[in-house]
Protein backbone atom coordinates (compact mmCIF):
# COMPACT_ATOMS: atom_id res chain seq x y z
CA UNK A 1 -0.01 -0.07 -0.24
CA UNK A 2 1.08 3.47 -0.75
CA UNK A 3 -0.14 6.97 0.50
CA UNK A 4 -3.03 8.14 -1.92
CA UNK A 5 -4.74 4.71 -2.23
CA UNK A 6 -8.60 4.42 -3.14
CA UNK A 7 -10.16 3.66 0.32
CA UNK A 8 -12.96 0.83 -1.51
CA UNK A 9 -10.40 -0.48 -3.14
CA UNK A 10 -8.10 -1.34 -0.27
CA UNK A 11 -10.53 -1.79 2.30
CA UNK A 12 -12.90 -4.40 0.30
CA UNK A 13 -10.49 -7.05 -0.34
CA UNK A 14 -9.02 -7.12 3.04
CA UNK A 15 -12.13 -7.54 4.12
CA UNK A 16 -13.61 -10.32 2.27
CA UNK A 17 -10.35 -12.14 2.15
CA UNK A 18 -10.33 -12.28 5.54
CA UNK A 19 -13.81 -12.89 5.74
CA UNK A 20 -13.07 -16.03 3.40
CA UNK A 21 -10.32 -17.27 6.16
CA UNK A 22 -7.37 -15.68 3.80
CA UNK A 23 -4.60 -14.94 5.96
CA UNK A 24 -3.71 -11.05 4.63
CA UNK A 25 -0.81 -9.36 5.68
CA UNK A 26 -1.07 -5.34 4.66
CA UNK A 27 2.71 -4.03 3.87
CA UNK A 28 3.49 -0.21 3.11
CA UNK A 29 5.84 0.62 0.55
CA UNK A 30 7.55 3.55 2.74
CA UNK A 31 9.59 3.68 5.69
CA UNK A 32 6.43 4.27 8.16
CA UNK A 33 3.69 1.66 8.68
CA UNK A 34 1.06 4.50 8.43
CA UNK A 35 -0.60 5.28 5.02
CA UNK A 36 -3.44 7.45 4.32
CA UNK A 37 -6.15 7.46 1.53
CA UNK A 38 -6.76 9.80 -1.53
CA UNK A 39 -9.19 11.58 0.21
CA UNK A 40 -7.50 11.49 3.67
CA UNK A 41 -10.47 10.11 5.07
CA UNK A 42 -8.76 6.89 6.13
CA UNK A 43 -5.53 6.09 7.61
CA UNK A 44 -4.56 2.70 7.80
CA UNK A 45 -1.76 0.70 9.68
CA UNK A 46 -0.41 -1.72 7.94
CA UNK A 47 0.96 -5.05 9.49
CA UNK A 48 4.15 -3.99 7.96
CA UNK A 49 6.38 -2.29 5.81
CA UNK A 50 7.56 -4.10 2.23
CA UNK A 51 11.40 -3.34 3.71
CA UNK A 52 10.64 -5.20 6.58
CA UNK A 53 8.85 -8.42 4.52
CA UNK A 54 11.40 -8.58 1.92
CA UNK A 55 14.57 -8.83 5.03
CA UNK A 56 12.77 -11.33 6.59
CA UNK A 57 14.75 -14.05 4.96
CA UNK A 58 17.25 -14.45 2.15
CA UNK A 59 15.11 -17.18 -0.02
CA UNK A 60 13.40 -15.55 -3.13
CA UNK A 61 10.19 -13.90 -1.57
CA UNK A 62 7.77 -14.85 -3.93
CA UNK A 63 7.80 -18.50 -2.65
CA UNK A 64 6.21 -17.03 1.02
CA UNK A 65 3.04 -15.21 -0.76
CA UNK A 66 0.06 -16.79 -2.82
CA UNK A 67 -0.64 -13.55 -4.06
CA UNK A 68 -0.28 -9.92 -3.88
CA UNK A 69 -2.86 -7.30 -4.27
CA UNK A 70 -2.52 -3.50 -5.55
CA UNK A 71 -5.26 -1.18 -4.79
CA UNK A 72 -5.71 1.85 -7.30
CA UNK A 73 -6.18 5.93 -6.56
CA UNK A 74 -3.96 7.98 -7.11
CA UNK A 75 -1.48 9.39 -6.37
CA UNK A 76 -1.34 5.67 -5.15
CA UNK A 77 -0.87 3.29 -7.91
CA UNK A 78 2.05 6.10 -9.13
CA UNK A 79 3.75 6.17 -5.84
CA UNK A 80 3.23 2.31 -6.00
CA UNK A 81 5.25 2.02 -9.41
CA UNK A 82 8.05 4.50 -8.71
CA UNK A 83 8.83 1.56 -5.52
CA UNK A 84 11.64 -0.12 -7.30
CA UNK A 85 10.94 -2.89 -4.56
CA UNK A 86 7.47 -3.43 -5.12
CA UNK A 87 8.34 -3.72 -8.65
CA UNK A 88 10.56 -6.28 -7.65
CA UNK A 89 8.30 -8.10 -5.66
CA UNK A 90 5.37 -8.23 -8.39
CA UNK A 91 8.31 -9.40 -11.45
CA UNK A 92 9.16 -12.16 -8.70
CA UNK A 93 5.98 -13.02 -7.92
CA UNK A 94 4.52 -13.30 -11.90
CA UNK A 95 7.46 -15.15 -12.79
CA UNK A 96 6.83 -17.55 -9.85
CA UNK A 97 3.25 -17.95 -11.17
CA UNK A 98 1.49 -16.57 -8.25
CA UNK A 99 -1.51 -14.35 -8.03
CA UNK A 100 -1.37 -10.44 -9.33
CA UNK A 101 -4.20 -8.58 -9.17
CA UNK A 102 -4.40 -5.03 -9.62
CA UNK A 103 -7.77 -2.48 -9.41
CA UNK A 104 -8.71 0.75 -11.04
CA UNK A 105 -5.49 3.07 -12.25
CA UNK A 106 -2.84 0.53 -11.17
CA UNK A 107 -3.22 -2.32 -13.82
CA UNK A 108 -1.83 0.79 -16.38
CA UNK A 109 0.03 2.25 -14.19
CA UNK A 110 1.58 -1.03 -12.14
CA UNK A 111 2.03 -3.40 -13.86
CA UNK A 112 2.07 -2.36 -17.74
CA UNK A 113 5.35 -0.64 -17.28
CA UNK A 114 6.47 -4.07 -15.80
CA UNK A 115 5.47 -5.97 -18.37
CA UNK A 116 2.75 -7.99 -16.70
CA UNK A 117 -0.15 -6.94 -18.86
CA UNK A 118 2.08 -8.37 -21.91
CA UNK A 119 -0.25 -10.30 -24.25
CA UNK A 120 -2.56 -10.44 -21.07
CA UNK A 121 -6.52 -9.65 -21.65
CA UNK A 122 -7.16 -6.78 -18.69
CA UNK A 123 -9.49 -4.21 -17.62
CA UNK A 124 -8.86 -1.18 -15.58
CA UNK A 125 -10.07 2.79 -15.16
CA UNK A 126 -12.08 4.13 -18.22
CA UNK A 127 -9.18 5.70 -20.28
CA UNK A 128 -6.16 4.26 -18.79
CA UNK A 129 -6.58 1.27 -21.19
CA UNK A 130 -4.70 4.03 -23.47
CA UNK A 131 -1.08 3.69 -21.22
CA UNK A 132 -1.04 -0.22 -22.05
CA UNK A 133 0.14 -0.69 -25.09
CA UNK A 134 0.46 -4.55 -25.11
CA UNK A 135 -2.20 -5.89 -23.58
CA UNK A 136 -5.85 -6.67 -24.31
CA UNK A 137 -7.82 -4.20 -22.82
CA UNK A 138 -11.57 -5.41 -21.78
CA UNK A 139 -14.67 -3.28 -20.30
CA UNK A 140 -15.67 -6.19 -18.52
CA UNK A 141 -15.55 -5.44 -14.54
CA UNK A 142 -13.41 -7.88 -13.83
CA UNK A 143 -11.03 -9.88 -15.81
CA UNK A 144 -9.36 -13.06 -14.75
CA UNK A 145 -6.54 -13.76 -17.36
CA UNK A 146 -4.06 -16.71 -16.23
CA UNK A 147 -2.68 -15.41 -12.82
CA UNK A 148 -3.80 -11.52 -13.38
CA UNK A 149 -6.69 -10.26 -11.90
CA UNK A 150 -7.68 -6.63 -12.96
CA UNK A 151 -10.74 -4.86 -11.91
CA UNK A 152 -12.18 -1.40 -12.92
CA UNK A 153 -12.91 0.67 -9.83
CA UNK A 154 -14.02 1.42 -6.17
CA UNK A 155 -17.27 0.29 -7.87
CA UNK A 156 -15.81 -2.97 -8.83
CA UNK A 157 -13.90 -3.84 -5.60
CA UNK A 158 -16.48 -6.48 -4.02
CA UNK A 159 -16.69 -8.51 -7.25
CA UNK A 160 -12.82 -8.03 -7.76
CA UNK A 161 -12.35 -9.70 -4.37
CA UNK A 162 -14.81 -12.38 -4.96
CA UNK A 163 -12.55 -12.86 -7.85
CA UNK A 164 -9.09 -13.06 -5.82
CA UNK A 165 -10.94 -15.47 -3.22
CA UNK A 166 -12.80 -17.90 -6.22
CA UNK A 167 -8.90 -18.06 -7.22
CA UNK A 168 -7.34 -18.31 -4.05
CA UNK A 169 -9.93 -20.93 -2.62
CA UNK A 170 -12.95 -22.09 -4.61
CA UNK A 171 -16.07 -20.99 -6.33
CA UNK A 172 -18.02 -21.88 -3.30
CA UNK A 173 -15.87 -19.83 -0.90
CA UNK A 174 -16.30 -17.19 -3.53
CA UNK A 175 -19.85 -17.65 -3.48
CA UNK A 176 -20.41 -17.54 0.29
CA UNK A 177 -18.64 -14.46 0.92
CA UNK A 178 -20.96 -12.49 -1.63
CA UNK A 179 -23.90 -13.90 -0.67
CA UNK A 180 -22.35 -12.75 2.94
CA UNK A 181 -22.57 -9.60 2.17
CA UNK A 182 -25.32 -8.97 -0.45
CA UNK A 183 -22.94 -8.35 -3.32
């Protein structure tokens, strides 16, 4: 997570995944564990920082995680894109076949410059698809292409979270959470 994240796009996946019994670790890309949302309305204290996560062991960190979720929002997505450590982790996760999930601006601003959307079907916030030259844009609310899950924005955050649950667990688990939250 980075300062300037979109409130709903960060909190909804955290909430839904926890409801599904999935262990979630939140991490800030800065030295501080406190991140402030785009609108300044939410200050989250993350579990750790990316720096702390990366120094926890000498092994490839991608082996430690099943997925990474990147909220959108500007300037949050831009701040994430500037993080060398975040870029390295994302590339490592992708190379290991781990799940990479991005919503709103993040598919275009964070994933595309790293080459993670090359030849992949994706979606993002309307208009930002023009920044992605090697991906296959879709107007669908949520797009799953192999190990990449993308979504359009705050209004699709619930569907995005359910798609992640379905990929990490199964369709029944995703349906159970969707039913529980009246999605």
